[in-house]
Amino acid sequence: MTLKAGDAEVTLDENSSSIKFSGSMRLANMKEYEQVADFLKEHGNTFDDSLVLDFENLQFLNSSGITTISLFILNCKKNGGLELTVKGSNEVSWQQKSLSNFKKLWPNIKLEMN
């Protein structure tokens, strides 16, 4: 299942227990990110043991998008039990700066930078 969000796509990959982000996500505000938040809530709960949030192919994510992902991570932390991995690329500048901040929200997150 894939969600089209502006110039980006968010894809559920059940085979790898992951949600993959690609393109460039520049939605205007938090209201527009509700569709992404709903997708994460609905499909993030599909996996009982582990989930990978894969940002390697996402070239840009604005502050509203980072807030949306942060709120999802905090919800996962609150619910407990899920092993969460965040994958990113050292080649994408926003990922170098921002993905490590997710560990500040929940130290149990595994961060994999390629």
PDB file of N, CA and C in Angstrom:
ATOM      1  N   MET A   1       0.848  -1.168   0.000  1.00  0.00           N
ATOM      2  CA  MET A   1       0.000   0.000   0.000  1.00  0.00           C
ATOM      3  C   MET A   1       0.895   1.233   0.000  1.00  0.00           C
ATOM      4  N   THR A   2       0.538   2.229  -0.806  1.00  0.00           N
ATOM      5  CA  THR A   2       1.326   3.443  -0.945  1.00  0.00           C
ATOM      6  C   THR A   2       0.446   4.674  -0.789  1.00  0.00           C
ATOM      7  N   LEU A   3       0.957   5.637  -0.052  1.00  0.00           N
ATOM      8  CA  LEU A   3       0.304   6.933   0.118  1.00  0.00           C
ATOM      9  C   LEU A   3       1.102   7.959  -0.659  1.00  0.00           C
ATOM     10  N   LYS A   4       0.434   8.718  -1.519  1.00  0.00           N
ATOM     11  CA  LYS A   4       1.055   9.822  -2.237  1.00  0.00           C
ATOM     12  C   LYS A   4       0.845  11.069  -1.401  1.00  0.00           C
ATOM     13  N   ALA A   5       1.936  11.740  -1.024  1.00  0.00           N
ATOM     14  CA  ALA A   5       1.878  12.941  -0.186  1.00  0.00           C
ATOM     15  C   ALA A   5       2.706  14.038  -0.851  1.00  0.00           C
ATOM     16  N   GLY A   6       2.062  14.857  -1.649  1.00  0.00           N
ATOM     17  CA  GLY A   6       2.791  15.874  -2.405  1.00  0.00           C
ATOM     18  C   GLY A   6       3.704  15.200  -3.405  1.00  0.00           C
ATOM     19  N   ASP A   7       4.984  15.542  -3.363  1.00  0.00           N
ATOM     20  CA  ASP A   7       5.976  14.951  -4.268  1.00  0.00           C
ATOM     21  C   ASP A   7       6.645  13.726  -3.661  1.00  0.00           C
ATOM     22  N   ALA A   8       6.078  13.195  -2.602  1.00  0.00           N
ATOM     23  CA  ALA A   8       6.658  12.051  -1.910  1.00  0.00           C
ATOM     24  C   ALA A   8       5.687  10.881  -1.892  1.00  0.00           C
ATOM     25  N   GLU A   9       6.244   9.720  -1.579  1.00  0.00           N
ATOM     26  CA  GLU A   9       5.440   8.518  -1.383  1.00  0.00           C
ATOM     27  C   GLU A   9       5.842   7.866  -0.072  1.00  0.00           C
ATOM     28  N   VAL A  10       4.853   7.317   0.616  1.00  0.00           N
ATOM     29  CA  VAL A  10       5.069   6.549   1.830  1.00  0.00           C
ATOM     30  C   VAL A  10       4.505   5.164   1.535  1.00  0.00           C
ATOM     31  N   THR A  11       5.363   4.149   1.611  1.00  0.00           N
ATOM     32  CA  THR A  11       4.983   2.808   1.170  1.00  0.00           C
ATOM     33  C   THR A  11       5.143   1.804   2.305  1.00  0.00           C
ATOM     34  N   LEU A  12       4.112   1.025   2.512  1.00  0.00           N
ATOM     35  CA  LEU A  12       4.154  -0.074   3.463  1.00  0.00           C
ATOM     36  C   LEU A  12       4.762  -1.284   2.761  1.00  0.00           C
ATOM     37  N   ASP A  13       5.835  -1.821   3.316  1.00  0.00           N
ATOM     38  CA  ASP A  13       6.481  -3.011   2.780  1.00  0.00           C
ATOM     39  C   ASP A  13       6.406  -4.095   3.855  1.00  0.00           C
ATOM     40  N   GLU A  14       5.378  -4.916   3.769  1.00  0.00           N
ATOM     41  CA  GLU A  14       5.162  -5.940   4.798  1.00  0.00           C
ATOM     42  C   GLU A  14       6.269  -6.987   4.813  1.00  0.00           C
ATOM     43  N   ASN A  15       6.896  -7.249   3.665  1.00  0.00           N
ATOM     44  CA  ASN A  15       7.957  -8.257   3.601  1.00  0.00           C
ATOM     45  C   ASN A  15       9.158  -7.886   4.466  1.00  0.00           C
ATOM     46  N   SER A  16       9.457  -6.583   4.546  1.00  0.00           N
ATOM     47  CA  SER A  16      10.609  -6.156   5.346  1.00  0.00           C
ATOM     48  C   SER A  16      10.182  -5.444   6.628  1.00  0.00           C
ATOM     49  N   SER A  17       8.895  -5.544   6.970  1.00  0.00           N
ATOM     50  CA  SER A  17       8.353  -4.876   8.168  1.00  0.00           C
ATOM     51  C   SER A  17       8.770  -3.414   8.215  1.00  0.00           C
ATOM     52  N   SER A  18       8.584  -2.729   7.076  1.00  0.00           N
ATOM     53  CA  SER A  18       9.052  -1.352   7.011  1.00  0.00           C
ATOM     54  C   SER A  18       8.032  -0.427   6.360  1.00  0.00           C
ATOM     55  N   ILE A  19       8.204   0.835   6.674  1.00  0.00           N
ATOM     56  CA  ILE A  19       7.499   1.912   5.997  1.00  0.00           C
ATOM     57  C   ILE A  19       8.583   2.750   5.346  1.00  0.00           C
ATOM     58  N   LYS A  20       8.536   2.830   4.016  1.00  0.00           N
ATOM     59  CA  LYS A  20       9.584   3.495   3.246  1.00  0.00           C
ATOM     60  C   LYS A  20       9.084   4.839   2.717  1.00  0.00           C
ATOM     61  N   PHE A  21       9.945   5.834   2.858  1.00  0.00           N
ATOM     62  CA  PHE A  21       9.646   7.184   2.398  1.00  0.00           C
ATOM     63  C   PHE A  21      10.543   7.489   1.204  1.00  0.00           C
ATOM     64  N   SER A  22       9.971   8.122   0.171  1.00  0.00           N
ATOM     65  CA  SER A  22      10.781   8.480  -0.994  1.00  0.00           C
ATOM     66  C   SER A  22      10.279   9.796  -1.580  1.00  0.00           C
ATOM     67  N   GLY A  23      11.145  10.430  -2.341  1.00  0.00           N
ATOM     68  CA  GLY A  23      10.792  11.695  -2.971  1.00  0.00           C
ATOM     69  C   GLY A  23      11.182  12.880  -2.103  1.00  0.00           C
ATOM     70  N   SER A  24      10.325  13.891  -2.124  1.00  0.00           N
ATOM     71  CA  SER A  24      10.553  15.108  -1.353  1.00  0.00           C
ATOM     72  C   SER A  24       9.235  15.512  -0.700  1.00  0.00           C
ATOM     73  N   MET A  25       9.197  15.538   0.621  1.00  0.00           N
ATOM     74  CA  MET A  25       7.956  15.786   1.349  1.00  0.00           C
ATOM     75  C   MET A  25       7.969  17.214   1.897  1.00  0.00           C
ATOM     76  N   ARG A  26       7.213  18.076   1.212  1.00  0.00           N
ATOM     77  CA  ARG A  26       7.154  19.493   1.565  1.00  0.00           C
ATOM     78  C   ARG A  26       5.707  19.947   1.722  1.00  0.00           C
ATOM     79  N   LEU A  27       4.938  19.235   2.504  1.00  0.00           N
ATOM     80  CA  LEU A  27       3.545  19.621   2.706  1.00  0.00           C
ATOM     81  C   LEU A  27       3.510  20.921   3.506  1.00  0.00           C
ATOM     82  N   ALA A  28       2.444  21.697   3.332  1.00  0.00           N
ATOM     83  CA  ALA A  28       2.413  23.079   3.826  1.00  0.00           C
ATOM     84  C   ALA A  28       2.349  23.217   5.343  1.00  0.00           C
ATOM     85  N   ASN A  29       1.645  22.310   6.020  1.00  0.00           N
ATOM     86  CA  ASN A  29       1.443  22.495   7.467  1.00  0.00           C
ATOM     87  C   ASN A  29       1.026  21.164   8.104  1.00  0.00           C
ATOM     88  N   MET A  30       0.822  21.205   9.413  1.00  0.00           N
ATOM     89  CA  MET A  30       0.457  19.984  10.144  1.00  0.00           C
ATOM     90  C   MET A  30      -0.868  19.403   9.658  1.00  0.00           C
ATOM     91  N   LYS A  31      -1.779  20.235   9.263  1.00  0.00           N
ATOM     92  CA  LYS A  31      -3.078  19.756   8.754  1.00  0.00           C
ATOM     93  C   LYS A  31      -2.865  18.857   7.536  1.00  0.00           C
ATOM     94  N   GLU A  32      -1.974  19.269   6.636  1.00  0.00           N
ATOM     95  CA  GLU A  32      -1.704  18.462   5.448  1.00  0.00           C
ATOM     96  C   GLU A  32      -0.973  17.166   5.795  1.00  0.00           C
ATOM     97  N   TYR A  33      -0.225  17.175   6.900  1.00  0.00           N
ATOM     98  CA  TYR A  33       0.496  15.970   7.319  1.00  0.00           C
ATOM     99  C   TYR A  33      -0.399  14.969   8.045  1.00  0.00           C
ATOM    100  N   GLU A  34      -1.660  15.324   8.292  1.00  0.00           N
ATOM    101  CA  GLU A  34      -2.567  14.384   8.964  1.00  0.00           C
ATOM    102  C   GLU A  34      -2.700  13.080   8.198  1.00  0.00           C
ATOM    103  N   GLN A  35      -2.687  13.154   6.864  1.00  0.00           N
ATOM    104  CA  GLN A  35      -2.789  11.926   6.066  1.00  0.00           C
ATOM    105  C   GLN A  35      -1.584  11.014   6.299  1.00  0.00           C
ATOM    106  N   VAL A  36      -0.400  11.613   6.478  1.00  0.00           N
ATOM    107  CA  VAL A  36       0.806  10.831   6.756  1.00  0.00           C
ATOM    108  C   VAL A  36       0.719  10.243   8.162  1.00  0.00           C
ATOM    109  N   ALA A  37       0.291  11.062   9.127  1.00  0.00           N
ATOM    110  CA  ALA A  37       0.142  10.594  10.512  1.00  0.00           C
ATOM    111  C   ALA A  37      -0.854   9.437  10.582  1.00  0.00           C
ATOM    112  N   ASP A  38      -1.960   9.560   9.873  1.00  0.00           N
ATOM    113  CA  ASP A  38      -2.971   8.498   9.861  1.00  0.00           C
ATOM    114  C   ASP A  38      -2.410   7.215   9.237  1.00  0.00           C
ATOM    115  N   PHE A  39      -1.654   7.351   8.158  1.00  0.00           N
ATOM    116  CA  PHE A  39      -1.036   6.198   7.501  1.00  0.00           C
ATOM    117  C   PHE A  39      -0.085   5.496   8.470  1.00  0.00           C
ATOM    118  N   LEU A  40       0.738   6.283   9.173  1.00  0.00           N
ATOM    119  CA  LEU A  40       1.678   5.699  10.137  1.00  0.00           C
ATOM    120  C   LEU A  40       0.944   5.001  11.267  1.00  0.00           C
ATOM    121  N   LYS A  41      -0.085   5.620  11.797  1.00  0.00           N
ATOM    122  CA  LYS A  41      -0.852   5.000  12.891  1.00  0.00           C
ATOM    123  C   LYS A  41      -1.486   3.697  12.442  1.00  0.00           C
ATOM    124  N   GLU A  42      -2.110   3.738  11.268  1.00  0.00           N
ATOM    125  CA  GLU A  42      -2.824   2.561  10.770  1.00  0.00           C
ATOM    126  C   GLU A  42      -1.874   1.409  10.456  1.00  0.00           C
ATOM    127  N   HIS A  43      -0.785   1.713   9.770  1.00  0.00           N
ATOM    128  CA  HIS A  43       0.089   0.640   9.297  1.00  0.00           C
ATOM    129  C   HIS A  43       1.252   0.363  10.229  1.00  0.00           C
ATOM    130  N   GLY A  44       1.636   1.328  11.030  1.00  0.00           N
ATOM    131  CA  GLY A  44       2.690   1.093  12.019  1.00  0.00           C
ATOM    132  C   GLY A  44       2.262   0.089  13.064  1.00  0.00           C
ATOM    133  N   ASN A  45       0.961   0.026  13.300  1.00  0.00           N
ATOM    134  CA  ASN A  45       0.427  -0.926  14.275  1.00  0.00           C
ATOM    135  C   ASN A  45       0.263  -2.329  13.702  1.00  0.00           C
ATOM    136  N   THR A  46       0.560  -2.492  12.417  1.00  0.00           N
ATOM    137  CA  THR A  46       0.452  -3.787  11.756  1.00  0.00           C
ATOM    138  C   THR A  46       1.487  -4.765  12.286  1.00  0.00           C
ATOM    139  N   PHE A  47       2.619  -4.237  12.732  1.00  0.00           N
ATOM    140  CA  PHE A  47       3.743  -5.070  13.135  1.00  0.00           C
ATOM    141  C   PHE A  47       3.810  -5.161  14.644  1.00  0.00           C
ATOM    142  N   ASP A  48       3.914  -6.376  15.148  1.00  0.00           N
ATOM    143  CA  ASP A  48       3.921  -6.595  16.593  1.00  0.00           C
ATOM    144  C   ASP A  48       5.309  -6.437  17.211  1.00  0.00           C
ATOM    145  N   ASP A  49       6.324  -6.903  16.506  1.00  0.00           N
ATOM    146  CA  ASP A  49       7.659  -6.980  17.097  1.00  0.00           C
ATOM    147  C   ASP A  49       8.582  -5.841  16.689  1.00  0.00           C
ATOM    148  N   SER A  50       8.655  -5.582  15.385  1.00  0.00           N
ATOM    149  CA  SER A  50       9.618  -4.594  14.918  1.00  0.00           C
ATOM    150  C   SER A  50       9.076  -3.832  13.717  1.00  0.00           C
ATOM    151  N   LEU A  51       9.600  -2.632  13.553  1.00  0.00           N
ATOM    152  CA  LEU A  51       9.217  -1.770  12.443  1.00  0.00           C
ATOM    153  C   LEU A  51      10.442  -0.961  12.044  1.00  0.00           C
ATOM    154  N   VAL A  52      10.628  -0.816  10.730  1.00  0.00           N
ATOM    155  CA  VAL A  52      11.696   0.020  10.191  1.00  0.00           C
ATOM    156  C   VAL A  52      11.056   1.218   9.506  1.00  0.00           C
ATOM    157  N   LEU A  53      11.492   2.406   9.895  1.00  0.00           N
ATOM    158  CA  LEU A  53      11.138   3.621   9.171  1.00  0.00           C
ATOM    159  C   LEU A  53      12.336   3.936   8.290  1.00  0.00           C
ATOM    160  N   ASP A  54      12.162   3.788   6.984  1.00  0.00           N
ATOM    161  CA  ASP A  54      13.268   3.897   6.034  1.00  0.00           C
ATOM    162  C   ASP A  54      13.172   5.218   5.271  1.00  0.00           C
ATOM    163  N   PHE A  55      14.094   6.128   5.583  1.00  0.00           N
ATOM    164  CA  PHE A  55      14.121   7.457   4.963  1.00  0.00           C
ATOM    165  C   PHE A  55      15.216   7.591   3.908  1.00  0.00           C
ATOM    166  N   GLU A  56      15.921   6.521   3.597  1.00  0.00           N
ATOM    167  CA  GLU A  56      17.088   6.596   2.720  1.00  0.00           C
ATOM    168  C   GLU A  56      16.803   7.292   1.394  1.00  0.00           C
ATOM    169  N   ASN A  57      15.611   7.142   0.856  1.00  0.00           N
ATOM    170  CA  ASN A  57      15.282   7.726  -0.449  1.00  0.00           C
ATOM    171  C   ASN A  57      14.420   8.981  -0.344  1.00  0.00           C
ATOM    172  N   LEU A  58      14.360   9.560   0.843  1.00  0.00           N
ATOM    173  CA  LEU A  58      13.602  10.804   1.030  1.00  0.00           C
ATOM    174  C   LEU A  58      14.590  11.966   1.008  1.00  0.00           C
ATOM    175  N   GLN A  59      14.527  12.762  -0.039  1.00  0.00           N
ATOM    176  CA  GLN A  59      15.496  13.828  -0.241  1.00  0.00           C
ATOM    177  C   GLN A  59      15.259  15.047   0.644  1.00  0.00           C
ATOM    178  N   PHE A  60      14.011  15.268   1.035  1.00  0.00           N
ATOM    179  CA  PHE A  60      13.712  16.430   1.873  1.00  0.00           C
ATOM    180  C   PHE A  60      12.497  16.154   2.740  1.00  0.00           C
ATOM    181  N   LEU A  61      12.549  16.631   3.987  1.00  0.00           N
ATOM    182  CA  LEU A  61      11.417  16.575   4.906  1.00  0.00           C
ATOM    183  C   LEU A  61      11.437  17.869   5.714  1.00  0.00           C
ATOM    184  N   ASN A  62      10.356  18.623   5.650  1.00  0.00           N
ATOM    185  CA  ASN A  62      10.332  19.903   6.364  1.00  0.00           C
ATOM    186  C   ASN A  62       9.998  19.705   7.843  1.00  0.00           C
ATOM    187  N   SER A  63       9.975  20.805   8.589  1.00  0.00           N
ATOM    188  CA  SER A  63       9.806  20.725  10.044  1.00  0.00           C
ATOM    189  C   SER A  63       8.455  20.132  10.442  1.00  0.00           C
ATOM    190  N   SER A  64       7.410  20.396   9.683  1.00  0.00           N
ATOM    191  CA  SER A  64       6.106  19.791   9.993  1.00  0.00           C
ATOM    192  C   SER A  64       6.160  18.280   9.812  1.00  0.00           C
ATOM    193  N   GLY A  65       6.907  17.830   8.829  1.00  0.00           N
ATOM    194  CA  GLY A  65       7.077  16.392   8.617  1.00  0.00           C
ATOM    195  C   GLY A  65       7.892  15.754   9.732  1.00  0.00           C
ATOM    196  N   ILE A  66       8.940  16.435  10.168  1.00  0.00           N
ATOM    197  CA  ILE A  66       9.751  15.922  11.273  1.00  0.00           C
ATOM    198  C   ILE A  66       8.908  15.848  12.544  1.00  0.00           C
ATOM    199  N   THR A  67       8.053  16.840  12.760  1.00  0.00           N
ATOM    200  CA  THR A  67       7.151  16.817  13.914  1.00  0.00           C
ATOM    201  C   THR A  67       6.193  15.632  13.829  1.00  0.00           C
ATOM    202  N   THR A  68       5.661  15.370  12.645  1.00  0.00           N
ATOM    203  CA  THR A  68       4.740  14.246  12.447  1.00  0.00           C
ATOM    204  C   THR A  68       5.428  12.925  12.779  1.00  0.00           C
ATOM    205  N   ILE A  69       6.654  12.741  12.295  1.00  0.00           N
ATOM    206  CA  ILE A  69       7.402  11.510  12.577  1.00  0.00           C
ATOM    207  C   ILE A  69       7.718  11.429  14.068  1.00  0.00           C
ATOM    208  N   SER A  70       8.089  12.549  14.669  1.00  0.00           N
ATOM    209  CA  SER A  70       8.408  12.582  16.101  1.00  0.00           C
ATOM    210  C   SER A  70       7.215  12.165  16.945  1.00  0.00           C
ATOM    211  N   LEU A  71       6.039  12.656  16.597  1.00  0.00           N
ATOM    212  CA  LEU A  71       4.829  12.288  17.338  1.00  0.00           C
ATOM    213  C   LEU A  71       4.530  10.797  17.198  1.00  0.00           C
ATOM    214  N   PHE A  72       4.776  10.248  16.015  1.00  0.00           N
ATOM    215  CA  PHE A  72       4.588   8.808  15.815  1.00  0.00           C
ATOM    216  C   PHE A  72       5.558   8.016  16.694  1.00  0.00           C
ATOM    217  N   ILE A  73       6.809   8.452  16.742  1.00  0.00           N
ATOM    218  CA  ILE A  73       7.821   7.775  17.557  1.00  0.00           C
ATOM    219  C   ILE A  73       7.440   7.838  19.037  1.00  0.00           C
ATOM    220  N   LEU A  74       6.997   8.988  19.491  1.00  0.00           N
ATOM    221  CA  LEU A  74       6.578   9.112  20.893  1.00  0.00           C
ATOM    222  C   LEU A  74       5.399   8.200  21.203  1.00  0.00           C
ATOM    223  N   ASN A  75       4.490   8.043  20.252  1.00  0.00           N
ATOM    224  CA  ASN A  75       3.361   7.138  20.436  1.00  0.00           C
ATOM    225  C   ASN A  75       3.841   5.684  20.516  1.00  0.00           C
ATOM    226  N   CYS A  76       4.808   5.325  19.675  1.00  0.00           N
ATOM    227  CA  CYS A  76       5.381   3.971  19.736  1.00  0.00           C
ATOM    228  C   CYS A  76       6.048   3.733  21.090  1.00  0.00           C
ATOM    229  N   LYS A  77       6.757   4.733  21.573  1.00  0.00           N
ATOM    230  CA  LYS A  77       7.423   4.629  22.873  1.00  0.00           C
ATOM    231  C   LYS A  77       6.399   4.415  23.975  1.00  0.00           C
ATOM    232  N   LYS A  78       5.324   5.174  23.928  1.00  0.00           N
ATOM    233  CA  LYS A  78       4.269   5.079  24.942  1.00  0.00           C
ATOM    234  C   LYS A  78       3.629   3.696  24.945  1.00  0.00           C
ATOM    235  N   ASN A  79       3.411   3.142  23.753  1.00  0.00           N
ATOM    236  CA  ASN A  79       2.771   1.831  23.641  1.00  0.00           C
ATOM    237  C   ASN A  79       3.738   0.697  23.972  1.00  0.00           C
ATOM    238  N   GLY A  80       5.051   0.943  23.826  1.00  0.00           N
ATOM    239  CA  GLY A  80       6.078  -0.039  24.185  1.00  0.00           C
ATOM    240  C   GLY A  80       6.003  -1.306  23.360  1.00  0.00           C
ATOM    241  N   GLY A  81       6.991  -2.156  23.549  1.00  0.00           N
ATOM    242  CA  GLY A  81       6.983  -3.472  22.931  1.00  0.00           C
ATOM    243  C   GLY A  81       7.501  -3.535  21.509  1.00  0.00           C
ATOM    244  N   LEU A  82       7.495  -2.443  20.783  1.00  0.00           N
ATOM    245  CA  LEU A  82       7.908  -2.446  19.387  1.00  0.00           C
ATOM    246  C   LEU A  82       9.378  -2.065  19.288  1.00  0.00           C
ATOM    247  N   GLU A  83      10.135  -2.857  18.551  1.00  0.00           N
ATOM    248  CA  GLU A  83      11.527  -2.518  18.263  1.00  0.00           C
ATOM    249  C   GLU A  83      11.522  -1.640  17.016  1.00  0.00           C
ATOM    250  N   LEU A  84      11.960  -0.401  17.154  1.00  0.00           N
ATOM    251  CA  LEU A  84      11.894   0.571  16.069  1.00  0.00           C
ATOM    252  C   LEU A  84      13.291   0.877  15.549  1.00  0.00           C
ATOM    253  N   THR A  85      13.446   0.748  14.229  1.00  0.00           N
ATOM    254  CA  THR A  85      14.697   1.082  13.557  1.00  0.00           C
ATOM    255  C   THR A  85      14.436   2.225  12.595  1.00  0.00           C
ATOM    256  N   VAL A  86      15.323   3.205  12.601  1.00  0.00           N
ATOM    257  CA  VAL A  86      15.253   4.325  11.668  1.00  0.00           C
ATOM    258  C   VAL A  86      16.462   4.218  10.752  1.00  0.00           C
ATOM    259  N   LYS A  87      16.194   4.129   9.432  1.00  0.00           N
ATOM    260  CA  LYS A  87      17.269   4.027   8.449  1.00  0.00           C
ATOM    261  C   LYS A  87      17.373   5.331   7.683  1.00  0.00           C
ATOM    262  N   GLY A  88      18.610   5.764   7.470  1.00  0.00           N
ATOM    263  CA  GLY A  88      18.834   6.982   6.713  1.00  0.00           C
ATOM    264  C   GLY A  88      20.102   6.903   5.895  1.00  0.00           C
ATOM    265  N   SER A  89      20.366   7.986   5.190  1.00  0.00           N
ATOM    266  CA  SER A  89      21.535   8.063   4.326  1.00  0.00           C
ATOM    267  C   SER A  89      22.421   9.226   4.746  1.00  0.00           C
ATOM    268  N   ASN A  90      23.715   8.967   4.840  1.00  0.00           N
ATOM    269  CA  ASN A  90      24.669  10.036   5.117  1.00  0.00           C
ATOM    270  C   ASN A  90      24.821  10.985   3.937  1.00  0.00           C
ATOM    271  N   GLU A  91      24.289  10.601   2.790  1.00  0.00           N
ATOM    272  CA  GLU A  91      24.378  11.430   1.582  1.00  0.00           C
ATOM    273  C   GLU A  91      23.326  12.532   1.557  1.00  0.00           C
ATOM    274  N   VAL A  92      22.328  12.466   2.436  1.00  0.00           N
ATOM    275  CA  VAL A  92      21.230  13.442   2.445  1.00  0.00           C
ATOM    276  C   VAL A  92      21.381  14.311   3.687  1.00  0.00           C
ATOM    277  N   SER A  93      21.608  15.612   3.481  1.00  0.00           N
ATOM    278  CA  SER A  93      21.991  16.492   4.596  1.00  0.00           C
ATOM    279  C   SER A  93      20.941  16.579   5.702  1.00  0.00           C
ATOM    280  N   TRP A  94      19.663  16.655   5.381  1.00  0.00           N
ATOM    281  CA  TRP A  94      18.662  16.769   6.449  1.00  0.00           C
ATOM    282  C   TRP A  94      18.671  15.516   7.325  1.00  0.00           C
ATOM    283  N   GLN A  95      18.970  14.372   6.735  1.00  0.00           N
ATOM    284  CA  GLN A  95      18.985  13.131   7.501  1.00  0.00           C
ATOM    285  C   GLN A  95      20.165  13.103   8.472  1.00  0.00           C
ATOM    286  N   GLN A  96      21.326  13.603   8.038  1.00  0.00           N
ATOM    287  CA  GLN A  96      22.493  13.673   8.920  1.00  0.00           C
ATOM    288  C   GLN A  96      22.184  14.510  10.150  1.00  0.00           C
ATOM    289  N   LYS A  97      21.453  15.591   9.953  1.00  0.00           N
ATOM    290  CA  LYS A  97      21.179  16.529  11.040  1.00  0.00           C
ATOM    291  C   LYS A  97      20.007  16.094  11.920  1.00  0.00           C
ATOM    292  N   SER A  98      18.993  15.512  11.335  1.00  0.00           N
ATOM    293  CA  SER A  98      17.726  15.323  12.043  1.00  0.00           C
ATOM    294  C   SER A  98      17.452  13.922  12.575  1.00  0.00           C
ATOM    295  N   LEU A  99      17.885  12.889  11.885  1.00  0.00           N
ATOM    296  CA  LEU A  99      17.498  11.539  12.299  1.00  0.00           C
ATOM    297  C   LEU A  99      18.058  11.162  13.663  1.00  0.00           C
ATOM    298  N   SER A 100      19.240  11.649  13.993  1.00  0.00           N
ATOM    299  CA  SER A 100      19.808  11.322  15.309  1.00  0.00           C
ATOM    300  C   SER A 100      18.977  11.924  16.443  1.00  0.00           C
ATOM    301  N   ASN A 101      18.221  12.973  16.159  1.00  0.00           N
ATOM    302  CA  ASN A 101      17.367  13.571  17.188  1.00  0.00           C
ATOM    303  C   ASN A 101      16.235  12.638  17.618  1.00  0.00           C
ATOM    304  N   PHE A 102      15.865  11.692  16.763  1.00  0.00           N
ATOM    305  CA  PHE A 102      14.819  10.744  17.140  1.00  0.00           C
ATOM    306  C   PHE A 102      15.269   9.887  18.324  1.00  0.00           C
ATOM    307  N   LYS A 103      16.574   9.629  18.432  1.00  0.00           N
ATOM    308  CA  LYS A 103      17.092   8.862  19.573  1.00  0.00           C
ATOM    309  C   LYS A 103      16.937   9.641  20.880  1.00  0.00           C
ATOM    310  N   LYS A 104      16.887  10.949  20.788  1.00  0.00           N
ATOM    311  CA  LYS A 104      16.668  11.762  21.985  1.00  0.00           C
ATOM    312  C   LYS A 104      15.230  11.599  22.481  1.00  0.00           C
ATOM    313  N   LEU A 105      14.313  11.348  21.542  1.00  0.00           N
ATOM    314  CA  LEU A 105      12.923  11.106  21.922  1.00  0.00           C
ATOM    315  C   LEU A 105      12.761   9.734  22.559  1.00  0.00           C
ATOM    316  N   TRP A 106      13.481   8.761  22.011  1.00  0.00           N
ATOM    317  CA  TRP A 106      13.374   7.380  22.488  1.00  0.00           C
ATOM    318  C   TRP A 106      14.728   6.696  22.294  1.00  0.00           C
ATOM    319  N   PRO A 107      15.523   6.615  23.332  1.00  0.00           N
ATOM    320  CA  PRO A 107      16.871   6.059  23.220  1.00  0.00           C
ATOM    321  C   PRO A 107      16.928   4.610  22.702  1.00  0.00           C
ATOM    322  N   ASN A 108      15.829   3.874  22.776  1.00  0.00           N
ATOM    323  CA  ASN A 108      15.817   2.482  22.327  1.00  0.00           C
ATOM    324  C   ASN A 108      15.788   2.343  20.805  1.00  0.00           C
ATOM    325  N   ILE A 109      15.597   3.425  20.096  1.00  0.00           N
ATOM    326  CA  ILE A 109      15.569   3.366  18.624  1.00  0.00           C
ATOM    327  C   ILE A 109      16.931   2.936  18.111  1.00  0.00           C
ATOM    328  N   LYS A 110      16.917   2.064  17.121  1.00  0.00           N
ATOM    329  CA  LYS A 110      18.147   1.708  16.415  1.00  0.00           C
ATOM    330  C   LYS A 110      18.274   2.663  15.227  1.00  0.00           C
ATOM    331  N   LEU A 111      19.384   3.347  15.117  1.00  0.00           N
ATOM    332  CA  LEU A 111      19.633   4.264  14.016  1.00  0.00           C
ATOM    333  C   LEU A 111      20.672   3.661  13.095  1.00  0.00           C
ATOM    334  N   GLU A 112      20.314   3.491  11.815  1.00  0.00           N
ATOM    335  CA  GLU A 112      21.227   2.931  10.818  1.00  0.00           C
ATOM    336  C   GLU A 112      21.427   3.952   9.715  1.00  0.00           C
ATOM    337  N   MET A 113      22.623   4.507   9.637  1.00  0.00           N
ATOM    338  CA  MET A 113      22.950   5.480   8.605  1.00  0.00           C
ATOM    339  C   MET A 113      23.878   4.819   7.591  1.00  0.00           C
ATOM    340  N   ASN A 114      23.483   4.832   6.332  1.00  0.00           N
ATOM    341  CA  ASN A 114      24.289   4.218   5.259  1.00  0.00           C
ATOM    342  C   ASN A 114      24.930   5.297   4.406  1.00  0.00           C
TER     343      ASN A 114
END
